[in-house]
C-alpha atoms as a PDB file:
ATOM      1  CA  MET A   1     -35.266  17.312  39.927  1.00  0.00           C
ATOM      2  CA  MET A   2     -33.746  14.066  38.673  1.00  0.00           C
ATOM      3  CA  THR A   3     -35.276  11.705  41.197  1.00  0.00           C
ATOM      4  CA  ALA A   4     -34.395   8.736  39.014  1.00  0.00           C
ATOM      5  CA  TYR A   5     -30.761   9.326  39.875  1.00  0.00           C
ATOM      6  CA  ARG A   6     -31.008   9.691  43.619  1.00  0.00           C
ATOM      7  CA  ASN A   7     -28.793   6.690  44.314  1.00  0.00           C
ATOM      8  CA  GLY A   8     -25.806   7.972  42.392  1.00  0.00           C
ATOM      9  CA  SER A   9     -23.057   5.849  43.946  1.00  0.00           C
ATOM     10  CA  GLU A  10     -24.765   2.598  42.939  1.00  0.00           C
ATOM     11  CA  LEU A  11     -25.848   3.903  39.552  1.00  0.00           C
ATOM     12  CA  TYR A  12     -22.402   4.879  38.364  1.00  0.00           C
ATOM     13  CA  MET A  13     -20.896   1.527  39.184  1.00  0.00           C
ATOM     14  CA  ASN A  14     -22.809   0.376  36.089  1.00  0.00           C
ATOM     15  CA  GLN A  15     -23.436   3.516  34.044  1.00  0.00           C
ATOM     16  CA  ASP A  16     -21.124   6.073  32.489  1.00  0.00           C
ATOM     17  CA  LEU A  17     -21.375   9.348  34.418  1.00  0.00           C
ATOM     18  CA  LEU A  18     -20.708  11.389  31.285  1.00  0.00           C
ATOM     19  CA  ALA A  19     -23.589   9.674  29.486  1.00  0.00           C
ATOM     20  CA  VAL A  20     -25.933  10.419  32.394  1.00  0.00           C
ATOM     21  CA  ILE A  21     -24.928  14.083  32.406  1.00  0.00           C
ATOM     22  CA  GLN A  22     -25.369  14.327  28.630  1.00  0.00           C
ATOM     23  CA  ASP A  23     -28.777  12.642  28.695  1.00  0.00           C
ATOM     24  CA  ASN A  24     -30.073  14.973  31.414  1.00  0.00           C
ATOM     25  CA  LEU A  25     -28.465  18.210  30.280  1.00  0.00           C
ATOM     26  CA  HIS A  26     -31.858  19.735  29.489  1.00  0.00           C
ATOM     27  CA  THR A  27     -33.009  19.331  33.115  1.00  0.00           C
ATOM     28  CA  PHE A  28     -30.189  21.375  34.667  1.00  0.00           C
ATOM     29  CA  SER A  29     -30.328  24.975  35.792  1.00  0.00           C
ATOM     30  CA  LYS A  30     -28.259  27.585  33.963  1.00  0.00           C
ATOM     31  CA  GLY A  31     -25.376  27.307  36.430  1.00  0.00           C
ATOM     32  CA  GLN A  32     -25.498  23.512  36.468  1.00  0.00           C
ATOM     33  CA  LYS A  33     -25.363  23.452  32.662  1.00  0.00           C
ATOM     34  CA  LYS A  34     -22.070  25.356  32.844  1.00  0.00           C
ATOM     35  CA  ILE A  35     -20.678  22.720  35.199  1.00  0.00           C
ATOM     36  CA  ALA A  36     -22.025  19.880  33.054  1.00  0.00           C
ATOM     37  CA  SER A  37     -20.586  21.336  29.852  1.00  0.00           C
ATOM     38  CA  PHE A  38     -17.132  21.739  31.381  1.00  0.00           C
ATOM     39  CA  ILE A  39     -17.146  18.159  32.713  1.00  0.00           C
ATOM     40  CA  LEU A  40     -18.238  16.794  29.338  1.00  0.00           C
ATOM     41  CA  GLU A  41     -15.545  18.752  27.493  1.00  0.00           C
ATOM     42  CA  SER A  42     -12.696  18.453  30.050  1.00  0.00           C
ATOM     43  CA  TYR A  43     -13.524  15.507  32.278  1.00  0.00           C
ATOM     44  CA  ASP A  44      -9.833  14.664  32.683  1.00  0.00           C
ATOM     45  CA  LYS A  45      -9.243  18.036  34.364  1.00  0.00           C
ATOM     46  CA  ALA A  46     -12.571  18.318  36.205  1.00  0.00           C
ATOM     47  CA  ALA A  47     -12.016  15.002  38.003  1.00  0.00           C
ATOM     48  CA  PHE A  48      -9.096  16.452  39.957  1.00  0.00           C
ATOM     49  CA  MET A  49     -10.495  19.908  40.733  1.00  0.00           C
ATOM     50  CA  THR A  50     -11.938  20.919  44.078  1.00  0.00           C
ATOM     51  CA  ALA A  51     -15.536  22.150  44.113  1.00  0.00           C
ATOM     52  CA  SER A  52     -14.274  25.678  44.689  1.00  0.00           C
ATOM     53  CA  ARG A  53     -11.811  25.542  41.807  1.00  0.00           C
ATOM     54  CA  LEU A  54     -14.358  24.032  39.437  1.00  0.00           C
ATOM     55  CA  GLY A  55     -16.872  26.721  40.361  1.00  0.00           C
ATOM     56  CA  LYS A  56     -14.370  29.497  39.681  1.00  0.00           C
ATOM     57  CA  ARG A  57     -13.388  27.899  36.371  1.00  0.00           C
ATOM     58  CA  VAL A  58     -16.959  27.927  35.008  1.00  0.00           C
ATOM     59  CA  GLY A  59     -18.193  31.056  36.788  1.00  0.00           C
ATOM     60  CA  VAL A  60     -20.543  29.631  39.442  1.00  0.00           C
ATOM     61  CA  SER A  61     -20.427  29.399  43.229  1.00  0.00           C
ATOM     62  CA  GLU A  62     -18.931  26.457  45.113  1.00  0.00           C
ATOM     63  CA  SER A  63     -22.370  25.713  46.562  1.00  0.00           C
ATOM     64  CA  THR A  64     -23.766  25.351  43.023  1.00  0.00           C
ATOM     65  CA  VAL A  65     -21.146  22.709  42.296  1.00  0.00           C
ATOM     66  CA  VAL A  66     -22.026  20.875  45.512  1.00  0.00           C
ATOM     67  CA  ARG A  67     -25.755  20.999  44.647  1.00  0.00           C
ATOM     68  CA  PHE A  68     -24.981  19.658  41.180  1.00  0.00           C
ATOM     69  CA  ALA A  69     -23.370  16.567  42.738  1.00  0.00           C
ATOM     70  CA  ALA A  70     -26.349  16.151  45.077  1.00  0.00           C
ATOM     71  CA  GLU A  71     -28.739  16.490  42.135  1.00  0.00           C
ATOM     72  CA  LEU A  72     -27.039  13.487  40.551  1.00  0.00           C
ATOM     73  CA  GLY A  73     -27.602  11.507  43.758  1.00  0.00           C
ATOM     74  CA  TYR A  74     -24.166  11.685  45.339  1.00  0.00           C
ATOM     75  CA  ASP A  75     -23.535  12.185  49.058  1.00  0.00           C
ATOM     76  CA  GLY A  76     -21.403  15.186  48.206  1.00  0.00           C
ATOM     77  CA  TYR A  77     -18.980  16.599  45.678  1.00  0.00           C
ATOM     78  CA  PRO A  78     -16.062  14.359  46.790  1.00  0.00           C
ATOM     79  CA  ASP A  79     -18.283  11.316  46.179  1.00  0.00           C
ATOM     80  CA  MET A  80     -19.009  12.447  42.611  1.00  0.00           C
ATOM     81  CA  GLN A  81     -15.362  13.333  42.092  1.00  0.00           C
ATOM     82  CA  ARG A  82     -14.240   9.828  43.119  1.00  0.00           C
ATOM     83  CA  SER A  83     -16.774   8.304  40.728  1.00  0.00           C
ATOM     84  CA  LEU A  84     -15.516  10.489  37.894  1.00  0.00           C
ATOM     85  CA  GLN A  85     -11.877   9.630  38.669  1.00  0.00           C
ATOM     86  CA  LYS A  86     -12.630   5.911  38.624  1.00  0.00           C
ATOM     87  CA  MET A  87     -14.409   6.224  35.313  1.00  0.00           C
ATOM     88  CA  ILE A  88     -11.709   8.162  33.516  1.00  0.00           C
ATOM     89  CA  ARG A  89      -8.627   6.351  34.750  1.00  0.00           C
ATOM     90  CA  SER A  90      -9.079   3.566  32.224  1.00  0.00           C
ATOM     91  CA  ARG A  91      -9.717   6.122  29.452  1.00  0.00           C
ATOM     92  CA  LEU A  92      -6.784   8.471  29.773  1.00  0.00           C
ATOM     93  CA  THR A  93      -3.949   8.241  27.295  1.00  0.00           C
ATOM     94  CA  SER A  94      -0.355   8.690  28.477  1.00  0.00           C
ATOM     95  CA  ILE A  95      -0.357  12.249  27.163  1.00  0.00           C
ATOM     96  CA  GLN A  96      -3.584  13.073  29.050  1.00  0.00           C
ATOM     97  CA  ARG A  97      -2.095  11.567  32.201  1.00  0.00           C
ATOM     98  CA  MET A  98       0.915  13.857  31.951  1.00  0.00           C
ATOM     99  CA  GLU A  99      -1.323  16.888  31.402  1.00  0.00           C
ATOM    100  CA  VAL A 100      -3.513  15.999  34.388  1.00  0.00           C
ATOM    101  CA  ALA A 101      -0.489  15.365  36.608  1.00  0.00           C
ATOM    102  CA  ASN A 102       1.129  18.665  35.632  1.00  0.00           C
ATOM    103  CA  ASP A 103      -2.138  20.474  36.347  1.00  0.00           C
ATOM    104  CA  ARG A 104      -2.515  18.763  39.748  1.00  0.00           C
ATOM    105  CA  LEU A 105       1.068  19.242  40.877  1.00  0.00           C
ATOM    106  CA  GLY A 106       1.622  22.805  39.716  1.00  0.00           C
ATOM    107  CA  GLY A 107       4.490  24.307  41.690  1.00  0.00           C
ATOM    108  CA  GLN A 108       4.158  21.937  44.660  1.00  0.00           C
ATOM    109  CA  ASP A 109       6.971  19.884  46.178  1.00  0.00           C
ATOM    110  CA  LEU A 110       6.888  16.894  43.820  1.00  0.00           C
ATOM    111  CA  LEU A 111       8.601  14.436  46.178  1.00  0.00           C
ATOM    112  CA  SER A 112       6.288  15.200  49.099  1.00  0.00           C
ATOM    113  CA  VAL A 113       3.114  15.114  46.988  1.00  0.00           C
ATOM    114  CA  VAL A 114       3.874  11.732  45.398  1.00  0.00           C
ATOM    115  CA  LEU A 115       5.013  10.046  48.628  1.00  0.00           C
ATOM    116  CA  GLN A 116       2.105  11.427  50.644  1.00  0.00           C
ATOM    117  CA  SER A 117      -0.264  10.202  47.952  1.00  0.00           C
ATOM    118  CA  ASP A 118       1.216   6.707  48.207  1.00  0.00           C
ATOM    119  CA  ILE A 119       0.845   6.740  51.996  1.00  0.00           C
ATOM    120  CA  GLU A 120      -2.806   7.726  51.619  1.00  0.00           C
ATOM    121  CA  LYS A 121      -3.441   4.927  49.117  1.00  0.00           C
ATOM    122  CA  ILE A 122      -2.076   2.347  51.575  1.00  0.00           C
ATOM    123  CA  ARG A 123      -4.297   3.741  54.330  1.00  0.00           C
ATOM    124  CA  GLN A 124      -7.377   3.588  52.093  1.00  0.00           C
ATOM    125  CA  THR A 125      -6.514   0.056  50.998  1.00  0.00           C
ATOM    126  CA  LEU A 126      -6.286  -1.112  54.604  1.00  0.00           C
ATOM    127  CA  GLU A 127      -9.662   0.429  55.438  1.00  0.00           C
ATOM    128  CA  GLU A 128     -11.481  -0.894  52.370  1.00  0.00           C
ATOM    129  CA  LEU A 129     -10.024  -4.382  51.903  1.00  0.00           C
ATOM    130  CA  ASP A 130     -12.490  -7.269  52.151  1.00  0.00           C
ATOM    131  CA  ARG A 131     -10.920  -9.263  55.004  1.00  0.00           C
ATOM    132  CA  SER A 132     -13.163 -12.290  54.456  1.00  0.00           C
ATOM    133  CA  GLY A 133     -12.344 -12.411  50.748  1.00  0.00           C
ATOM    134  CA  PHE A 134      -8.645 -12.062  51.549  1.00  0.00           C
ATOM    135  CA  GLU A 135      -8.718 -15.035  53.938  1.00  0.00           C
ATOM    136  CA  LYS A 136     -10.635 -17.189  51.463  1.00  0.00           C
ATOM    137  CA  ALA A 137      -8.180 -16.318  48.699  1.00  0.00           C
ATOM    138  CA  VAL A 138      -5.285 -17.292  50.977  1.00  0.00           C
ATOM    139  CA  GLU A 139      -6.924 -20.663  51.740  1.00  0.00           C
ATOM    140  CA  ALA A 140      -7.537 -21.330  48.046  1.00  0.00           C
ATOM    141  CA  ILE A 141      -3.948 -20.481  47.074  1.00  0.00           C
ATOM    142  CA  ALA A 142      -2.456 -22.588  49.872  1.00  0.00           C
ATOM    143  CA  ALA A 143      -4.586 -25.607  48.885  1.00  0.00           C
ATOM    144  CA  ALA A 144      -4.237 -25.253  45.096  1.00  0.00           C
ATOM    145  CA  ARG A 145      -2.958 -28.016  42.845  1.00  0.00           C
ATOM    146  CA  LYS A 146      -1.213 -25.361  40.762  1.00  0.00           C
ATOM    147  CA  VAL A 147      -1.111 -21.563  40.992  1.00  0.00           C
ATOM    148  CA  TYR A 148      -0.916 -19.394  37.884  1.00  0.00           C
ATOM    149  CA  VAL A 149      -0.040 -15.687  38.140  1.00  0.00           C
ATOM    150  CA  ILE A 150      -0.935 -13.302  35.309  1.00  0.00           C
ATOM    151  CA  GLY A 151       0.171  -9.672  35.020  1.00  0.00           C
ATOM    152  CA  VAL A 152       1.317  -7.787  31.950  1.00  0.00           C
ATOM    153  CA  ARG A 153       2.658  -4.336  31.131  1.00  0.00           C
ATOM    154  CA  SER A 154       3.088  -2.267  34.335  1.00  0.00           C
ATOM    155  CA  SER A 155       1.426  -5.034  36.381  1.00  0.00           C
ATOM    156  CA  ALA A 156       4.129  -7.476  35.270  1.00  0.00           C
ATOM    157  CA  ALA A 157       6.379  -6.142  38.042  1.00  0.00           C
ATOM    158  CA  LEU A 158       3.823  -7.193  40.660  1.00  0.00           C
ATOM    159  CA  SER A 159       3.259 -10.535  38.933  1.00  0.00           C
ATOM    160  CA  THR A 160       6.978 -11.337  38.869  1.00  0.00           C
ATOM    161  CA  PHE A 161       7.434 -10.334  42.519  1.00  0.00           C
ATOM    162  CA  LEU A 162       4.450 -12.450  43.601  1.00  0.00           C
ATOM    163  CA  THR A 163       5.606 -15.450  41.556  1.00  0.00           C
ATOM    164  CA  PHE A 164       9.175 -15.268  42.879  1.00  0.00           C
ATOM    165  CA  TYR A 165       8.102 -15.541  46.510  1.00  0.00           C
ATOM    166  CA  LEU A 166       5.238 -17.977  45.917  1.00  0.00           C
ATOM    167  CA  ASN A 167       7.809 -20.313  44.363  1.00  0.00           C
ATOM    168  CA  LEU A 168       9.616 -20.364  47.713  1.00  0.00           C
ATOM    169  CA  ILE A 169       6.381 -21.353  49.471  1.00  0.00           C
ATOM    170  CA  LEU A 170       4.552 -23.622  46.998  1.00  0.00           C
ATOM    171  CA  GLU A 171       5.684 -26.346  44.599  1.00  0.00           C
ATOM    172  CA  ASN A 172       3.646 -25.619  41.481  1.00  0.00           C
ATOM    173  CA  VAL A 173       3.629 -21.926  40.616  1.00  0.00           C
ATOM    174  CA  VAL A 174       3.585 -20.669  37.033  1.00  0.00           C
ATOM    175  CA  GLU A 175       4.025 -17.081  35.902  1.00  0.00           C
ATOM    176  CA  VAL A 176       1.913 -16.605  32.793  1.00  0.00           C
ATOM    177  CA  SER A 177       3.830 -14.123  30.704  1.00  0.00           C
ATOM    178  CA  ALA A 178       3.702 -13.810  26.941  1.00  0.00           C
ATOM    179  CA  ASN A 179       3.766 -11.077  24.328  1.00  0.00           C
ATOM    180  CA  THR A 180       0.576 -12.290  22.656  1.00  0.00           C
ATOM    181  CA  THR A 181      -2.886 -13.353  23.776  1.00  0.00           C
ATOM    182  CA  SER A 182      -2.430 -16.761  22.133  1.00  0.00           C
ATOM    183  CA  GLY A 183       0.829 -17.217  24.044  1.00  0.00           C
ATOM    184  CA  ILE A 184      -0.986 -16.647  27.334  1.00  0.00           C
ATOM    185  CA  PHE A 185      -3.649 -19.226  26.465  1.00  0.00           C
ATOM    186  CA  GLU A 186      -0.918 -21.728  25.609  1.00  0.00           C
ATOM    187  CA  ARG A 187       0.552 -21.234  29.080  1.00  0.00           C
ATOM    188  CA  LEU A 188      -2.917 -21.893  30.516  1.00  0.00           C
ATOM    189  CA  LEU A 189      -3.529 -24.966  28.372  1.00  0.00           C
ATOM    190  CA  TRP A 190      -3.894 -27.386  31.296  1.00  0.00           C
ATOM    191  CA  VAL A 191      -5.611 -25.076  33.789  1.00  0.00           C
ATOM    192  CA  GLY A 192      -8.709 -26.477  35.447  1.00  0.00           C
ATOM    193  CA  ASP A 193     -10.461 -27.605  38.589  1.00  0.00           C
ATOM    194  CA  GLY A 194      -8.190 -27.483  41.642  1.00  0.00           C
ATOM    195  CA  ASP A 195      -6.041 -24.671  40.229  1.00  0.00           C
ATOM    196  CA  VAL A 196      -5.958 -21.020  41.259  1.00  0.00           C
ATOM    197  CA  VAL A 197      -5.330 -18.232  38.756  1.00  0.00           C
ATOM    198  CA  ILE A 198      -4.297 -14.847  40.128  1.00  0.00           C
ATOM    199  CA  GLY A 199      -4.819 -11.941  37.752  1.00  0.00           C
ATOM    200  CA  VAL A 200      -3.130  -8.599  38.426  1.00  0.00           C
ATOM    201  CA  SER A 201      -4.331  -5.542  36.534  1.00  0.00           C
ATOM    202  CA  PHE A 202      -4.744  -1.830  37.203  1.00  0.00           C
ATOM    203  CA  PRO A 203      -5.863   1.030  34.950  1.00  0.00           C
ATOM    204  CA  ARG A 204      -5.400   1.035  32.075  1.00  0.00           C
ATOM    205  CA  TYR A 205      -6.607  -2.575  32.324  1.00  0.00           C
ATOM    206  CA  SER A 206      -4.943  -5.169  30.112  1.00  0.00           C
ATOM    207  CA  SER A 207      -7.311  -6.963  27.752  1.00  0.00           C
ATOM    208  CA  ARG A 208      -4.924  -9.948  27.727  1.00  0.00           C
ATOM    209  CA  THR A 209      -5.283 -10.394  31.480  1.00  0.00           C
ATOM    210  CA  VAL A 210      -9.064 -10.087  31.340  1.00  0.00           C
ATOM    211  CA  ARG A 211      -9.367 -12.695  28.577  1.00  0.00           C
ATOM    212  CA  ALA A 212      -6.997 -15.061  30.353  1.00  0.00           C
ATOM    213  CA  MET A 213      -9.021 -14.823  33.566  1.00  0.00           C
ATOM    214  CA  GLN A 214     -12.240 -15.502  31.653  1.00  0.00           C
ATOM    215  CA  PHE A 215     -10.597 -18.560  30.110  1.00  0.00           C
ATOM    216  CA  ALA A 216      -9.431 -19.840  33.514  1.00  0.00           C
ATOM    217  CA  ARG A 217     -12.857 -19.291  35.075  1.00  0.00           C
ATOM    218  CA  ASP A 218     -14.558 -21.150  32.232  1.00  0.00           C
ATOM    219  CA  ARG A 219     -12.143 -24.053  32.767  1.00  0.00           C
ATOM    220  CA  GLY A 220     -13.192 -24.362  36.415  1.00  0.00           C
ATOM    221  CA  ALA A 221     -10.213 -22.732  38.129  1.00  0.00           C
ATOM    222  CA  VAL A 222     -10.589 -20.463  41.155  1.00  0.00           C
ATOM    223  CA  THR A 223      -9.911 -16.904  40.019  1.00  0.00           C
ATOM    224  CA  VAL A 224      -8.404 -14.248  42.293  1.00  0.00           C
ATOM    225  CA  ALA A 225      -8.153 -10.644  41.114  1.00  0.00           C
ATOM    226  CA  ILE A 226      -5.679  -8.126  42.474  1.00  0.00           C
ATOM    227  CA  THR A 227      -7.043  -4.855  41.129  1.00  0.00           C
ATOM    228  CA  ASP A 228      -8.230  -1.402  42.171  1.00  0.00           C
ATOM    229  CA  SER A 229     -12.024  -1.536  42.448  1.00  0.00           C
ATOM    230  CA  GLU A 230     -15.252  -3.429  41.844  1.00  0.00           C
ATOM    231  CA  ALA A 231     -15.521  -1.429  38.615  1.00  0.00           C
ATOM    232  CA  SER A 232     -12.468  -3.294  37.291  1.00  0.00           C
ATOM    233  CA  PRO A 233     -13.252  -5.715  34.437  1.00  0.00           C
ATOM    234  CA  LEU A 234     -11.544  -8.428  36.507  1.00  0.00           C
ATOM    235  CA  ALA A 235     -14.053  -8.138  39.373  1.00  0.00           C
ATOM    236  CA  PRO A 236     -17.098  -9.815  37.760  1.00  0.00           C
ATOM    237  CA  ILE A 237     -15.019 -12.767  36.511  1.00  0.00           C
ATOM    238  CA  SER A 238     -13.202 -13.424  39.798  1.00  0.00           C
ATOM    239  CA  GLN A 239     -14.359 -15.402  42.803  1.00  0.00           C
ATOM    240  CA  TYR A 240     -12.251 -13.239  45.078  1.00  0.00           C
ATOM    241  CA  THR A 241     -11.389  -9.610  44.384  1.00  0.00           C
ATOM    242  CA  LEU A 242      -8.569  -8.113  46.444  1.00  0.00           C
ATOM    243  CA  ARG A 243      -8.735  -4.357  46.005  1.00  0.00           C
ATOM    244  CA  ALA A 244      -5.770  -2.046  46.440  1.00  0.00           C
ATOM    245  CA  ARG A 245      -5.864   1.660  45.669  1.00  0.00           C
ATOM    246  CA  SER A 246      -3.631   2.811  42.872  1.00  0.00           C
ATOM    247  CA  ASP A 247      -3.064   6.229  41.385  1.00  0.00           C
ATOM    248  CA  MET A 248      -1.377   7.789  38.434  1.00  0.00           C
ATOM    249  CA  ALA A 249       1.693   9.887  38.986  1.00  0.00           C
ATOM    250  CA  SER A 250       1.972  11.456  35.545  1.00  0.00           C
ATOM    251  CA  PHE A 251       2.231   8.621  32.968  1.00  0.00           C
ATOM    252  CA  VAL A 252       3.551   6.309  35.713  1.00  0.00           C
ATOM    253  CA  ASP A 253       1.221   3.976  37.626  1.00  0.00           C
ATOM    254  CA  SER A 254       1.647   4.164  41.391  1.00  0.00           C
ATOM    255  CA  LEU A 255       1.536   0.551  42.590  1.00  0.00           C
ATOM    256  CA  VAL A 256       2.769   1.024  46.160  1.00  0.00           C
ATOM    257  CA  ALA A 257      -0.489  -0.058  47.821  1.00  0.00           C
ATOM    258  CA  PRO A 258      -0.906  -3.081  45.496  1.00  0.00           C
ATOM    259  CA  LEU A 259       2.638  -4.187  46.335  1.00  0.00           C
ATOM    260  CA  SER A 260       1.860  -3.872  50.033  1.00  0.00           C
ATOM    261  CA  LEU A 261      -1.225  -6.049  49.499  1.00  0.00           C
ATOM    262  CA  VAL A 262       0.907  -8.618  47.653  1.00  0.00           C
ATOM    263  CA  ASN A 263       3.327  -8.647  50.614  1.00  0.00           C
ATOM    264  CA  ALA A 264       0.446  -9.349  53.005  1.00  0.00           C
ATOM    265  CA  LEU A 265      -0.839 -12.115  50.725  1.00  0.00           C
ATOM    266  CA  LEU A 266       2.571 -13.796  50.639  1.00  0.00           C
ATOM    267  CA  VAL A 267       2.969 -13.691  54.414  1.00  0.00           C
ATOM    268  CA  ALA A 268      -0.546 -15.055  54.923  1.00  0.00           C
ATOM    269  CA  VAL A 269      -0.022 -17.932  52.456  1.00  0.00           C
ATOM    270  CA  SER A 270       3.325 -18.834  54.051  1.00  0.00           C
ATOM    271  CA  ARG A 271       1.720 -18.972  57.490  1.00  0.00           C
ATOM    272  CA  LYS A 272      -1.162 -21.041  56.170  1.00  0.00           C
ATOM    273  CA  LYS A 273       1.227 -23.576  54.611  1.00  0.00           C
ATOM    274  CA  GLY A 274       3.566 -23.727  57.617  1.00  0.00           C
ATOM    275  CA  GLY A 275       6.608 -26.018  57.879  1.00  0.00           C
ATOM    276  CA  LEU A 276       8.809 -23.761  55.769  1.00  0.00           C
ATOM    277  CA  ALA A 277      11.845 -23.862  58.056  1.00  0.00           C
ATOM    278  CA  SER A 278      13.352 -26.934  56.359  1.00  0.00           C
ATOM    279  CA  THR A 279      12.725 -25.387  52.933  1.00  0.00           C
ATOM    280  CA  PHE A 280      14.635 -22.252  53.766  1.00  0.00           C
ATOM    281  CA  GLN A 281      17.415 -24.211  55.452  1.00  0.00           C
ATOM    282  CA  SER A 282      17.916 -26.020  52.140  1.00  0.00           C
ATOM    283  CA  LEU A 283      17.772 -22.747  50.256  1.00  0.00           C
ATOM    284  CA  GLU A 284      20.352 -21.124  52.494  1.00  0.00           C
ATOM    285  CA  LYS A 285      22.759 -24.001  51.801  1.00  0.00           C
ATOM    286  CA  ILE A 286      22.213 -23.649  48.051  1.00  0.00           C
ATOM    287  CA  TRP A 287      22.650 -19.866  48.177  1.00  0.00           C
ATOM    288  CA  GLU A 288      25.839 -20.250  50.206  1.00  0.00           C
ATOM    289  CA  GLU A 289      27.287 -22.992  47.976  1.00  0.00           C
ATOM    290  CA  TYR A 290      26.700 -21.125  44.725  1.00  0.00           C
ATOM    291  CA  GLY A 291      27.450 -17.634  45.988  1.00  0.00           C
ATOM    292  CA  VAL A 292      23.994 -16.299  45.202  1.00  0.00           C
ATOM    293  CA  TYR A 293      24.363 -13.350  47.554  1.00  0.00           C
ATOM    294  CA  GLU A 294      27.307 -11.020  47.917  1.00  0.00           C
ATOM    295  CA  LYS A 295      28.820 -11.038  51.378  1.00  0.00           C
ATOM    296  CA  VAL A 296      29.036  -7.563  52.886  1.00  0.00           C
ATOM    297  CA  PRO A 297      32.003  -6.962  55.215  1.00  0.00           C
ATOM    298  CA  GLU A 298      30.993  -6.249  58.816  1.00  0.00           C
END
């Protein structure tokens, strides 16, 4: 009995589940050792198997799989599965992602599976979001001297979207985009007290974004993370962490829920600032004068 690991959910926020299984392999029963060995060898596949399917794969009963999760201190198998999924998402290569996705999807209706998964991620995000942290982040952004937005690789799409609309609401918004780490620091050269830096990153987490956020925090700026969980490397270096569930659809990152969170953030900041009617009246005149938008016949 591994009583030292009875609080599994808290433990694995800070400790690698695979390392714990490896270290305690000698304490498991014969059936549990089969489960442990499979997870250690094929964690990328095990993380997305049901308890029943995992049991059949290694030749043990479903109840043995459930007891194995309980032995590690989890509330149930789904709890352990979620912990394993969180751990591996930052480890998987693009090739592994494709293999996992193909294994998960099988012969199912691809369109329905992906869209239903996105719907579920939005629902989970709504249930789990820290409302107090969200409101405080909104207040900080609305009152900031300057707002910097950082997001690279797949997160660059969210960063660009957020910057575009923040520029319509606030006067001093800078999108920090560069192909090198040094280029990002150059864009953050004057960051400091009174500024807000928003970092956007989802698995696989960008080291450039993490380093930039550390730099901004050390310079005295308020740091706001838009990421997937408290296990994200952005969480411990951010004053406010806005969590949105993401998922991997093959090698593609599903960022539907994060985009929905960004939408909510933009609306909240615009309402906090207020007095935007005159701004958009001016914009409409500019857009009309320079033919920014194509007119669609009625």
